[in-house]
Amino acid sequence: AAFFPLPPQLSAELQAVGATKVAADTASQFALPVLVQLPASPWHLLGLHLYNSPTATPRERLLTIWRQMGPTVAARMARIVPAFSVGQGLARPPLWAIPLSKVRVT
């Protein structure tokens, strides 16, 4: 939830260096939900390790988190792309433009 205000800020920065508004909006809405997994995944792994191995030493925790970071980040990024990057940022605004009277539910 901490990254939700960031796409408009990143979009403005991208526009300042020459990107069009559409390109900047699309890039920021697609990239930020995925990139936020880099700082979020270690915290997630730490919480899991604290719960599952309450007697582990700090060194054991760091080694476990380090070993699991690559696959965990990759899996979390792959899971986030359809839901938050494509579904939230890219597909939803154009779908909102369709009037409900033109949508037929069967």
PDB file of N, CA and C in Angstrom:
ATOM      1  N   ALA A   1       0.817  -1.198   0.000  1.00  0.00           N
ATOM      2  CA  ALA A   1       0.000   0.000   0.000  1.00  0.00           C
ATOM      3  C   ALA A   1       0.856   1.255   0.000  1.00  0.00           C
ATOM      4  N   ALA A   2       2.101   1.120   0.408  1.00  0.00           N
ATOM      5  CA  ALA A   2       2.965   2.297   0.490  1.00  0.00           C
ATOM      6  C   ALA A   2       3.332   2.851  -0.877  1.00  0.00           C
ATOM      7  N   PHE A   3       3.221   2.048  -1.923  1.00  0.00           N
ATOM      8  CA  PHE A   3       3.634   2.527  -3.237  1.00  0.00           C
ATOM      9  C   PHE A   3       2.498   3.170  -4.024  1.00  0.00           C
ATOM     10  N   PHE A   4       1.268   3.129  -3.544  1.00  0.00           N
ATOM     11  CA  PHE A   4       0.140   3.648  -4.316  1.00  0.00           C
ATOM     12  C   PHE A   4       0.286   5.117  -4.724  1.00  0.00           C
ATOM     13  N   PRO A   5       0.832   6.007  -3.889  1.00  0.00           N
ATOM     14  CA  PRO A   5       0.979   7.389  -4.347  1.00  0.00           C
ATOM     15  C   PRO A   5       2.162   7.617  -5.287  1.00  0.00           C
ATOM     16  N   LEU A   6       2.997   6.620  -5.504  1.00  0.00           N
ATOM     17  CA  LEU A   6       4.216   6.813  -6.278  1.00  0.00           C
ATOM     18  C   LEU A   6       4.040   6.874  -7.794  1.00  0.00           C
ATOM     19  N   PRO A   7       3.113   6.127  -8.433  1.00  0.00           N
ATOM     20  CA  PRO A   7       3.030   6.220  -9.900  1.00  0.00           C
ATOM     21  C   PRO A   7       2.853   7.630 -10.452  1.00  0.00           C
ATOM     22  N   PRO A   8       1.997   8.474  -9.885  1.00  0.00           N
ATOM     23  CA  PRO A   8       1.915   9.834 -10.434  1.00  0.00           C
ATOM     24  C   PRO A   8       3.222  10.617 -10.280  1.00  0.00           C
ATOM     25  N   GLN A   9       3.923  10.388  -9.178  1.00  0.00           N
ATOM     26  CA  GLN A   9       5.202  11.089  -8.966  1.00  0.00           C
ATOM     27  C   GLN A   9       6.244  10.610  -9.971  1.00  0.00           C
ATOM     28  N   LEU A  10       6.342   9.290 -10.169  1.00  0.00           N
ATOM     29  CA  LEU A  10       7.286   8.758 -11.148  1.00  0.00           C
ATOM     30  C   LEU A  10       6.909   9.207 -12.552  1.00  0.00           C
ATOM     31  N   SER A  11       5.625   9.227 -12.850  1.00  0.00           N
ATOM     32  CA  SER A  11       5.169   9.676 -14.164  1.00  0.00           C
ATOM     33  C   SER A  11       5.606  11.120 -14.416  1.00  0.00           C
ATOM     34  N   ALA A  12       5.468  11.960 -13.425  1.00  0.00           N
ATOM     35  CA  ALA A  12       5.888  13.360 -13.575  1.00  0.00           C
ATOM     36  C   ALA A  12       7.393  13.452 -13.817  1.00  0.00           C
ATOM     37  N   GLU A  13       8.168  12.632 -13.116  1.00  0.00           N
ATOM     38  CA  GLU A  13       9.621  12.621 -13.323  1.00  0.00           C
ATOM     39  C   GLU A  13       9.973  12.141 -14.728  1.00  0.00           C
ATOM     40  N   LEU A  14       9.290  11.108 -15.204  1.00  0.00           N
ATOM     41  CA  LEU A  14       9.547  10.601 -16.547  1.00  0.00           C
ATOM     42  C   LEU A  14       9.176  11.632 -17.609  1.00  0.00           C
ATOM     43  N   GLN A  15       8.076  12.349 -17.375  1.00  0.00           N
ATOM     44  CA  GLN A  15       7.681  13.401 -18.313  1.00  0.00           C
ATOM     45  C   GLN A  15       8.698  14.534 -18.314  1.00  0.00           C
ATOM     46  N   ALA A  16       9.300  14.800 -17.157  1.00  0.00           N
ATOM     47  CA  ALA A  16      10.295  15.873 -17.060  1.00  0.00           C
ATOM     48  C   ALA A  16      11.549  15.561 -17.876  1.00  0.00           C
ATOM     49  N   VAL A  17      11.812  14.270 -18.101  1.00  0.00           N
ATOM     50  CA  VAL A  17      12.992  13.909 -18.896  1.00  0.00           C
ATOM     51  C   VAL A  17      12.632  13.566 -20.341  1.00  0.00           C
ATOM     52  N   GLY A  18      11.382  13.877 -20.737  1.00  0.00           N
ATOM     53  CA  GLY A  18      11.028  13.770 -22.142  1.00  0.00           C
ATOM     54  C   GLY A  18      10.019  12.715 -22.533  1.00  0.00           C
ATOM     55  N   ALA A  19       9.534  11.903 -21.624  1.00  0.00           N
ATOM     56  CA  ALA A  19       8.535  10.893 -21.969  1.00  0.00           C
ATOM     57  C   ALA A  19       7.176  11.554 -22.162  1.00  0.00           C
ATOM     58  N   THR A  20       6.363  10.985 -23.033  1.00  0.00           N
ATOM     59  CA  THR A  20       5.003  11.493 -23.183  1.00  0.00           C
ATOM     60  C   THR A  20       4.201  11.115 -21.944  1.00  0.00           C
ATOM     61  N   LYS A  21       3.080  11.783 -21.725  1.00  0.00           N
ATOM     62  CA  LYS A  21       2.257  11.500 -20.552  1.00  0.00           C
ATOM     63  C   LYS A  21       1.766  10.055 -20.573  1.00  0.00           C
ATOM     64  N   VAL A  22       1.295   9.587 -21.723  1.00  0.00           N
ATOM     65  CA  VAL A  22       0.779   8.211 -21.816  1.00  0.00           C
ATOM     66  C   VAL A  22       1.888   7.205 -21.532  1.00  0.00           C
ATOM     67  N   ALA A  23       3.059   7.409 -22.126  1.00  0.00           N
ATOM     68  CA  ALA A  23       4.175   6.484 -21.916  1.00  0.00           C
ATOM     69  C   ALA A  23       4.631   6.518 -20.454  1.00  0.00           C
ATOM     70  N   ALA A  24       4.706   7.704 -19.878  1.00  0.00           N
ATOM     71  CA  ALA A  24       5.150   7.832 -18.490  1.00  0.00           C
ATOM     72  C   ALA A  24       4.145   7.200 -17.531  1.00  0.00           C
ATOM     73  N   ASP A  25       2.848   7.441 -17.770  1.00  0.00           N
ATOM     74  CA  ASP A  25       1.814   6.838 -16.920  1.00  0.00           C
ATOM     75  C   ASP A  25       1.852   5.317 -17.016  1.00  0.00           C
ATOM     76  N   THR A  26       1.949   4.810 -18.232  1.00  0.00           N
ATOM     77  CA  THR A  26       1.961   3.360 -18.439  1.00  0.00           C
ATOM     78  C   THR A  26       3.184   2.727 -17.790  1.00  0.00           C
ATOM     79  N   ALA A  27       4.341   3.313 -18.002  1.00  0.00           N
ATOM     80  CA  ALA A  27       5.574   2.759 -17.430  1.00  0.00           C
ATOM     81  C   ALA A  27       5.536   2.766 -15.914  1.00  0.00           C
ATOM     82  N   SER A  28       5.081   3.854 -15.325  1.00  0.00           N
ATOM     83  CA  SER A  28       5.065   3.925 -13.861  1.00  0.00           C
ATOM     84  C   SER A  28       4.004   3.004 -13.261  1.00  0.00           C
ATOM     85  N   GLN A  29       2.853   2.887 -13.898  1.00  0.00           N
ATOM     86  CA  GLN A  29       1.804   2.012 -13.380  1.00  0.00           C
ATOM     87  C   GLN A  29       2.162   0.540 -13.532  1.00  0.00           C
ATOM     88  N   PHE A  30       2.971   0.224 -14.528  1.00  0.00           N
ATOM     89  CA  PHE A  30       3.374  -1.163 -14.717  1.00  0.00           C
ATOM     90  C   PHE A  30       4.566  -1.528 -13.839  1.00  0.00           C
ATOM     91  N   ALA A  31       5.544  -0.638 -13.756  1.00  0.00           N
ATOM     92  CA  ALA A  31       6.814  -0.963 -13.096  1.00  0.00           C
ATOM     93  C   ALA A  31       6.758  -0.915 -11.574  1.00  0.00           C
ATOM     94  N   LEU A  32       6.094   0.064 -11.000  1.00  0.00           N
ATOM     95  CA  LEU A  32       6.173   0.233  -9.549  1.00  0.00           C
ATOM     96  C   LEU A  32       5.603  -0.927  -8.740  1.00  0.00           C
ATOM     97  N   PRO A  33       4.448  -1.481  -9.074  1.00  0.00           N
ATOM     98  CA  PRO A  33       3.978  -2.624  -8.284  1.00  0.00           C
ATOM     99  C   PRO A  33       4.949  -3.805  -8.323  1.00  0.00           C
ATOM    100  N   VAL A  34       5.634  -3.964  -9.445  1.00  0.00           N
ATOM    101  CA  VAL A  34       6.592  -5.058  -9.571  1.00  0.00           C
ATOM    102  C   VAL A  34       7.859  -4.738  -8.782  1.00  0.00           C
ATOM    103  N   LEU A  35       8.377  -3.537  -8.949  1.00  0.00           N
ATOM    104  CA  LEU A  35       9.634  -3.162  -8.298  1.00  0.00           C
ATOM    105  C   LEU A  35       9.530  -3.078  -6.786  1.00  0.00           C
ATOM    106  N   VAL A  36       8.349  -2.815  -6.262  1.00  0.00           N
ATOM    107  CA  VAL A  36       8.201  -2.719  -4.812  1.00  0.00           C
ATOM    108  C   VAL A  36       8.437  -4.074  -4.142  1.00  0.00           C
ATOM    109  N   GLN A  37       8.434  -5.140  -4.938  1.00  0.00           N
ATOM    110  CA  GLN A  37       8.712  -6.465  -4.368  1.00  0.00           C
ATOM    111  C   GLN A  37      10.156  -6.598  -3.907  1.00  0.00           C
ATOM    112  N   LEU A  38      11.060  -5.811  -4.468  1.00  0.00           N
ATOM    113  CA  LEU A  38      12.462  -5.877  -4.043  1.00  0.00           C
ATOM    114  C   LEU A  38      12.638  -5.510  -2.569  1.00  0.00           C
ATOM    115  N   PRO A  39      12.077  -4.412  -2.080  1.00  0.00           N
ATOM    116  CA  PRO A  39      12.197  -4.156  -0.640  1.00  0.00           C
ATOM    117  C   PRO A  39      11.184  -4.927   0.207  1.00  0.00           C
ATOM    118  N   ALA A  40      10.064  -5.323  -0.363  1.00  0.00           N
ATOM    119  CA  ALA A  40       9.032  -5.992   0.440  1.00  0.00           C
ATOM    120  C   ALA A  40       9.348  -7.457   0.711  1.00  0.00           C
ATOM    121  N   SER A  41       9.970  -8.135  -0.244  1.00  0.00           N
ATOM    122  CA  SER A  41      10.213  -9.571  -0.092  1.00  0.00           C
ATOM    123  C   SER A  41      11.103  -9.931   1.098  1.00  0.00           C
ATOM    124  N   PRO A  42      12.198  -9.216   1.361  1.00  0.00           N
ATOM    125  CA  PRO A  42      12.999  -9.582   2.528  1.00  0.00           C
ATOM    126  C   PRO A  42      12.215  -9.477   3.836  1.00  0.00           C
ATOM    127  N   TRP A  43      11.357  -8.476   3.930  1.00  0.00           N
ATOM    128  CA  TRP A  43      10.549  -8.335   5.153  1.00  0.00           C
ATOM    129  C   TRP A  43       9.559  -9.492   5.275  1.00  0.00           C
ATOM    130  N   HIS A  44       8.993  -9.894   4.165  1.00  0.00           N
ATOM    131  CA  HIS A  44       8.077 -11.027   4.151  1.00  0.00           C
ATOM    132  C   HIS A  44       8.803 -12.297   4.588  1.00  0.00           C
ATOM    133  N   LEU A  45       9.985 -12.514   4.029  1.00  0.00           N
ATOM    134  CA  LEU A  45      10.769 -13.690   4.395  1.00  0.00           C
ATOM    135  C   LEU A  45      11.200 -13.653   5.861  1.00  0.00           C
ATOM    136  N   LEU A  46      11.549 -12.472   6.346  1.00  0.00           N
ATOM    137  CA  LEU A  46      11.928 -12.347   7.759  1.00  0.00           C
ATOM    138  C   LEU A  46      10.760 -12.719   8.656  1.00  0.00           C
ATOM    139  N   GLY A  47       9.576 -12.226   8.343  1.00  0.00           N
ATOM    140  CA  GLY A  47       8.395 -12.566   9.141  1.00  0.00           C
ATOM    141  C   GLY A  47       8.110 -14.057   9.137  1.00  0.00           C
ATOM    142  N   LEU A  48       8.218 -14.671   7.974  1.00  0.00           N
ATOM    143  CA  LEU A  48       8.010 -16.119   7.900  1.00  0.00           C
ATOM    144  C   LEU A  48       9.057 -16.870   8.711  1.00  0.00           C
ATOM    145  N   HIS A  49      10.303 -16.421   8.627  1.00  0.00           N
ATOM    146  CA  HIS A  49      11.370 -17.109   9.356  1.00  0.00           C
ATOM    147  C   HIS A  49      11.233 -16.909  10.865  1.00  0.00           C
ATOM    148  N   LEU A  50      10.843 -15.731  11.288  1.00  0.00           N
ATOM    149  CA  LEU A  50      10.618 -15.489  12.722  1.00  0.00           C
ATOM    150  C   LEU A  50       9.528 -16.414  13.256  1.00  0.00           C
ATOM    151  N   TYR A  51       8.485 -16.594  12.484  1.00  0.00           N
ATOM    152  CA  TYR A  51       7.377 -17.443  12.911  1.00  0.00           C
ATOM    153  C   TYR A  51       7.759 -18.924  12.891  1.00  0.00           C
ATOM    154  N   ASN A  52       8.390 -19.353  11.804  1.00  0.00           N
ATOM    155  CA  ASN A  52       8.676 -20.775  11.622  1.00  0.00           C
ATOM    156  C   ASN A  52       9.919 -21.264  12.363  1.00  0.00           C
ATOM    157  N   SER A  53      10.852 -20.367  12.654  1.00  0.00           N
ATOM    158  CA  SER A  53      12.098 -20.746  13.346  1.00  0.00           C
ATOM    159  C   SER A  53      12.390 -19.746  14.463  1.00  0.00           C
ATOM    160  N   PRO A  54      11.591 -19.767  15.530  1.00  0.00           N
ATOM    161  CA  PRO A  54      11.743 -18.745  16.571  1.00  0.00           C
ATOM    162  C   PRO A  54      13.081 -18.788  17.305  1.00  0.00           C
ATOM    163  N   THR A  55      13.803 -19.911  17.261  1.00  0.00           N
ATOM    164  CA  THR A  55      15.068 -20.007  17.994  1.00  0.00           C
ATOM    165  C   THR A  55      16.285 -19.798  17.101  1.00  0.00           C
ATOM    166  N   ALA A  56      16.107 -19.457  15.841  1.00  0.00           N
ATOM    167  CA  ALA A  56      17.227 -19.272  14.923  1.00  0.00           C
ATOM    168  C   ALA A  56      18.051 -18.050  15.316  1.00  0.00           C
ATOM    169  N   THR A  57      19.334 -18.119  15.016  1.00  0.00           N
ATOM    170  CA  THR A  57      20.222 -16.985  15.294  1.00  0.00           C
ATOM    171  C   THR A  57      20.052 -15.941  14.184  1.00  0.00           C
ATOM    172  N   PRO A  58      20.468 -14.701  14.445  1.00  0.00           N
ATOM    173  CA  PRO A  58      20.395 -13.684  13.389  1.00  0.00           C
ATOM    174  C   PRO A  58      21.176 -14.091  12.129  1.00  0.00           C
ATOM    175  N   ARG A  59      22.310 -14.746  12.307  1.00  0.00           N
ATOM    176  CA  ARG A  59      23.093 -15.207  11.155  1.00  0.00           C
ATOM    177  C   ARG A  59      22.306 -16.230  10.336  1.00  0.00           C
ATOM    178  N   GLU A  60      21.658 -17.169  11.004  1.00  0.00           N
ATOM    179  CA  GLU A  60      20.839 -18.165  10.297  1.00  0.00           C
ATOM    180  C   GLU A  60      19.694 -17.495   9.545  1.00  0.00           C
ATOM    181  N   ARG A  61      19.106 -16.493  10.175  1.00  0.00           N
ATOM    182  CA  ARG A  61      18.007 -15.776   9.519  1.00  0.00           C
ATOM    183  C   ARG A  61      18.493 -15.092   8.242  1.00  0.00           C
ATOM    184  N   LEU A  62      19.600 -14.375   8.354  1.00  0.00           N
ATOM    185  CA  LEU A  62      20.125 -13.662   7.192  1.00  0.00           C
ATOM    186  C   LEU A  62      20.507 -14.628   6.067  1.00  0.00           C
ATOM    187  N   LEU A  63      21.135 -15.743   6.416  1.00  0.00           N
ATOM    188  CA  LEU A  63      21.507 -16.721   5.400  1.00  0.00           C
ATOM    189  C   LEU A  63      20.276 -17.322   4.720  1.00  0.00           C
ATOM    190  N   THR A  64      19.255 -17.622   5.507  1.00  0.00           N
ATOM    191  CA  THR A  64      18.027 -18.179   4.936  1.00  0.00           C
ATOM    192  C   THR A  64      17.350 -17.173   4.018  1.00  0.00           C
ATOM    193  N   ILE A  65      17.253 -15.933   4.469  1.00  0.00           N
ATOM    194  CA  ILE A  65      16.627 -14.883   3.648  1.00  0.00           C
ATOM    195  C   ILE A  65      17.432 -14.687   2.364  1.00  0.00           C
ATOM    196  N   TRP A  66      18.776 -14.655   2.483  1.00  0.00           N
ATOM    197  CA  TRP A  66      19.626 -14.459   1.308  1.00  0.00           C
ATOM    198  C   TRP A  66      19.424 -15.583   0.293  1.00  0.00           C
ATOM    199  N   ARG A  67      19.371 -16.828   0.766  1.00  0.00           N
ATOM    200  CA  ARG A  67      19.201 -17.975  -0.125  1.00  0.00           C
ATOM    201  C   ARG A  67      17.837 -17.974  -0.807  1.00  0.00           C
ATOM    202  N   GLN A  68      16.824 -17.490  -0.130  1.00  0.00           N
ATOM    203  CA  GLN A  68      15.468 -17.552  -0.665  1.00  0.00           C
ATOM    204  C   GLN A  68      15.054 -16.288  -1.420  1.00  0.00           C
ATOM    205  N   MET A  69      15.885 -15.258  -1.405  1.00  0.00           N
ATOM    206  CA  MET A  69      15.496 -13.983  -2.018  1.00  0.00           C
ATOM    207  C   MET A  69      15.205 -14.090  -3.513  1.00  0.00           C
ATOM    208  N   GLY A  70      16.101 -14.701  -4.273  1.00  0.00           N
ATOM    209  CA  GLY A  70      15.918 -14.760  -5.732  1.00  0.00           C
ATOM    210  C   GLY A  70      14.611 -15.400  -6.146  1.00  0.00           C
ATOM    211  N   PRO A  71      14.378 -16.651  -5.722  1.00  0.00           N
ATOM    212  CA  PRO A  71      13.120 -17.293  -6.119  1.00  0.00           C
ATOM    213  C   PRO A  71      11.880 -16.583  -5.567  1.00  0.00           C
ATOM    214  N   THR A  72      12.000 -16.050  -4.361  1.00  0.00           N
ATOM    215  CA  THR A  72      10.842 -15.373  -3.750  1.00  0.00           C
ATOM    216  C   THR A  72      10.495 -14.101  -4.499  1.00  0.00           C
ATOM    217  N   VAL A  73      11.500 -13.287  -4.799  1.00  0.00           N
ATOM    218  CA  VAL A  73      11.248 -12.037  -5.533  1.00  0.00           C
ATOM    219  C   VAL A  73      10.679 -12.347  -6.912  1.00  0.00           C
ATOM    220  N   ALA A  74      11.256 -13.341  -7.588  1.00  0.00           N
ATOM    221  CA  ALA A  74      10.757 -13.706  -8.922  1.00  0.00           C
ATOM    222  C   ALA A  74       9.300 -14.155  -8.859  1.00  0.00           C
ATOM    223  N   ALA A  75       8.976 -14.990  -7.895  1.00  0.00           N
ATOM    224  CA  ALA A  75       7.599 -15.481  -7.773  1.00  0.00           C
ATOM    225  C   ALA A  75       6.639 -14.350  -7.426  1.00  0.00           C
ATOM    226  N   ARG A  76       7.037 -13.471  -6.505  1.00  0.00           N
ATOM    227  CA  ARG A  76       6.158 -12.367  -6.112  1.00  0.00           C
ATOM    228  C   ARG A  76       5.967 -11.377  -7.260  1.00  0.00           C
ATOM    229  N   MET A  77       7.025 -11.129  -8.022  1.00  0.00           N
ATOM    230  CA  MET A  77       6.901 -10.232  -9.178  1.00  0.00           C
ATOM    231  C   MET A  77       5.972 -10.839 -10.227  1.00  0.00           C
ATOM    232  N   ALA A  78       6.133 -12.130 -10.487  1.00  0.00           N
ATOM    233  CA  ALA A  78       5.276 -12.796 -11.470  1.00  0.00           C
ATOM    234  C   ALA A  78       3.814 -12.784 -11.032  1.00  0.00           C
ATOM    235  N   ARG A  79       3.582 -12.882  -9.745  1.00  0.00           N
ATOM    236  CA  ARG A  79       2.217 -12.884  -9.219  1.00  0.00           C
ATOM    237  C   ARG A  79       1.602 -11.483  -9.272  1.00  0.00           C
ATOM    238  N   ILE A  80       2.428 -10.469  -9.112  1.00  0.00           N
ATOM    239  CA  ILE A  80       1.945  -9.088  -9.053  1.00  0.00           C
ATOM    240  C   ILE A  80       1.600  -8.543 -10.441  1.00  0.00           C
ATOM    241  N   VAL A  81       2.328  -8.957 -11.471  1.00  0.00           N
ATOM    242  CA  VAL A  81       2.126  -8.385 -12.812  1.00  0.00           C
ATOM    243  C   VAL A  81       0.674  -8.462 -13.273  1.00  0.00           C
ATOM    244  N   PRO A  82       0.025  -9.637 -13.261  1.00  0.00           N
ATOM    245  CA  PRO A  82      -1.353  -9.664 -13.755  1.00  0.00           C
ATOM    246  C   PRO A  82      -2.330  -8.873 -12.887  1.00  0.00           C
ATOM    247  N   ALA A  83      -2.149  -8.923 -11.604  1.00  0.00           N
ATOM    248  CA  ALA A  83      -3.135  -8.314 -10.714  1.00  0.00           C
ATOM    249  C   ALA A  83      -2.986  -6.804 -10.585  1.00  0.00           C
ATOM    250  N   PHE A  84      -1.787  -6.338 -10.318  1.00  0.00           N
ATOM    251  CA  PHE A  84      -1.611  -4.929  -9.990  1.00  0.00           C
ATOM    252  C   PHE A  84      -1.035  -4.101 -11.125  1.00  0.00           C
ATOM    253  N   SER A  85      -0.229  -4.685 -11.979  1.00  0.00           N
ATOM    254  CA  SER A  85       0.340  -3.900 -13.068  1.00  0.00           C
ATOM    255  C   SER A  85      -0.612  -3.835 -14.248  1.00  0.00           C
ATOM    256  N   VAL A  86      -1.001  -4.998 -14.759  1.00  0.00           N
ATOM    257  CA  VAL A  86      -1.888  -5.016 -15.918  1.00  0.00           C
ATOM    258  C   VAL A  86      -3.326  -4.717 -15.499  1.00  0.00           C
ATOM    259  N   GLY A  87      -3.832  -5.435 -14.519  1.00  0.00           N
ATOM    260  CA  GLY A  87      -5.228  -5.292 -14.110  1.00  0.00           C
ATOM    261  C   GLY A  87      -5.559  -3.958 -13.478  1.00  0.00           C
ATOM    262  N   GLN A  88      -4.708  -3.478 -12.597  1.00  0.00           N
ATOM    263  CA  GLN A  88      -4.970  -2.232 -11.887  1.00  0.00           C
ATOM    264  C   GLN A  88      -4.665  -1.016 -12.740  1.00  0.00           C
ATOM    265  N   GLY A  89      -3.447  -0.963 -13.258  1.00  0.00           N
ATOM    266  CA  GLY A  89      -2.996   0.273 -13.871  1.00  0.00           C
ATOM    267  C   GLY A  89      -3.266   0.416 -15.346  1.00  0.00           C
ATOM    268  N   LEU A  90      -3.208  -0.668 -16.086  1.00  0.00           N
ATOM    269  CA  LEU A  90      -3.285  -0.534 -17.533  1.00  0.00           C
ATOM    270  C   LEU A  90      -4.652  -0.865 -18.111  1.00  0.00           C
ATOM    271  N   ALA A  91      -5.290  -1.899 -17.606  1.00  0.00           N
ATOM    272  CA  ALA A  91      -6.563  -2.322 -18.185  1.00  0.00           C
ATOM    273  C   ALA A  91      -7.754  -1.590 -17.590  1.00  0.00           C
ATOM    274  N   ARG A  92      -7.695  -1.266 -16.319  1.00  0.00           N
ATOM    275  CA  ARG A  92      -8.870  -0.721 -15.658  1.00  0.00           C
ATOM    276  C   ARG A  92      -9.295   0.660 -16.170  1.00  0.00           C
ATOM    277  N   PRO A  93      -8.399   1.642 -16.315  1.00  0.00           N
ATOM    278  CA  PRO A  93      -8.882   2.955 -16.796  1.00  0.00           C
ATOM    279  C   PRO A  93      -9.595   2.906 -18.132  1.00  0.00           C
ATOM    280  N   PRO A  94      -9.084   2.166 -19.168  1.00  0.00           N
ATOM    281  CA  PRO A  94      -9.857   2.107 -20.415  1.00  0.00           C
ATOM    282  C   PRO A  94     -11.208   1.419 -20.240  1.00  0.00           C
ATOM    283  N   LEU A  95     -11.260   0.430 -19.362  1.00  0.00           N
ATOM    284  CA  LEU A  95     -12.535  -0.253 -19.138  1.00  0.00           C
ATOM    285  C   LEU A  95     -13.538   0.656 -18.434  1.00  0.00           C
ATOM    286  N   TRP A  96     -13.039   1.567 -17.606  1.00  0.00           N
ATOM    287  CA  TRP A  96     -13.931   2.497 -16.927  1.00  0.00           C
ATOM    288  C   TRP A  96     -14.604   3.447 -17.909  1.00  0.00           C
ATOM    289  N   ALA A  97     -13.994   3.642 -19.052  1.00  0.00           N
ATOM    290  CA  ALA A  97     -14.544   4.578 -20.032  1.00  0.00           C
ATOM    291  C   ALA A  97     -15.762   4.011 -20.760  1.00  0.00           C
ATOM    292  N   ILE A  98     -15.979   2.699 -20.650  1.00  0.00           N
ATOM    293  CA  ILE A  98     -17.119   2.062 -21.309  1.00  0.00           C
ATOM    294  C   ILE A  98     -18.372   2.309 -20.466  1.00  0.00           C
ATOM    295  N   PRO A  99     -19.386   2.925 -21.004  1.00  0.00           N
ATOM    296  CA  PRO A  99     -20.607   3.116 -20.207  1.00  0.00           C
ATOM    297  C   PRO A  99     -21.243   1.789 -19.843  1.00  0.00           C
ATOM    298  N   LEU A 100     -21.774   1.714 -18.641  1.00  0.00           N
ATOM    299  CA  LEU A 100     -22.396   0.474 -18.186  1.00  0.00           C
ATOM    300  C   LEU A 100     -23.574   0.053 -19.056  1.00  0.00           C
ATOM    301  N   SER A 101     -24.219   1.016 -19.707  1.00  0.00           N
ATOM    302  CA  SER A 101     -25.354   0.676 -20.566  1.00  0.00           C
ATOM    303  C   SER A 101     -24.907  -0.147 -21.781  1.00  0.00           C
ATOM    304  N   LYS A 102     -23.627  -0.087 -22.145  1.00  0.00           N
ATOM    305  CA  LYS A 102     -23.129  -0.850 -23.292  1.00  0.00           C
ATOM    306  C   LYS A 102     -22.586  -2.220 -22.891  1.00  0.00           C
ATOM    307  N   VAL A 103     -22.498  -2.469 -21.593  1.00  0.00           N
ATOM    308  CA  VAL A 103     -21.990  -3.753 -21.116  1.00  0.00           C
ATOM    309  C   VAL A 103     -23.168  -4.679 -20.892  1.00  0.00           C
ATOM    310  N   ARG A 104     -23.149  -5.812 -21.538  1.00  0.00           N
ATOM    311  CA  ARG A 104     -24.226  -6.785 -21.396  1.00  0.00           C
ATOM    312  C   ARG A 104     -23.719  -7.978 -20.606  1.00  0.00           C
ATOM    313  N   VAL A 105     -24.363  -8.267 -19.516  1.00  0.00           N
ATOM    314  CA  VAL A 105     -23.997  -9.391 -18.687  1.00  0.00           C
ATOM    315  C   VAL A 105     -24.935 -10.536 -18.996  1.00  0.00           C
ATOM    316  N   THR A 106     -24.360 -11.694 -19.326  1.00  0.00           N
ATOM    317  CA  THR A 106     -25.196 -12.853 -19.634  1.00  0.00           C
ATOM    318  C   THR A 106     -25.111 -13.887 -18.552  1.00  0.00           C
TER     319      THR A 106
END
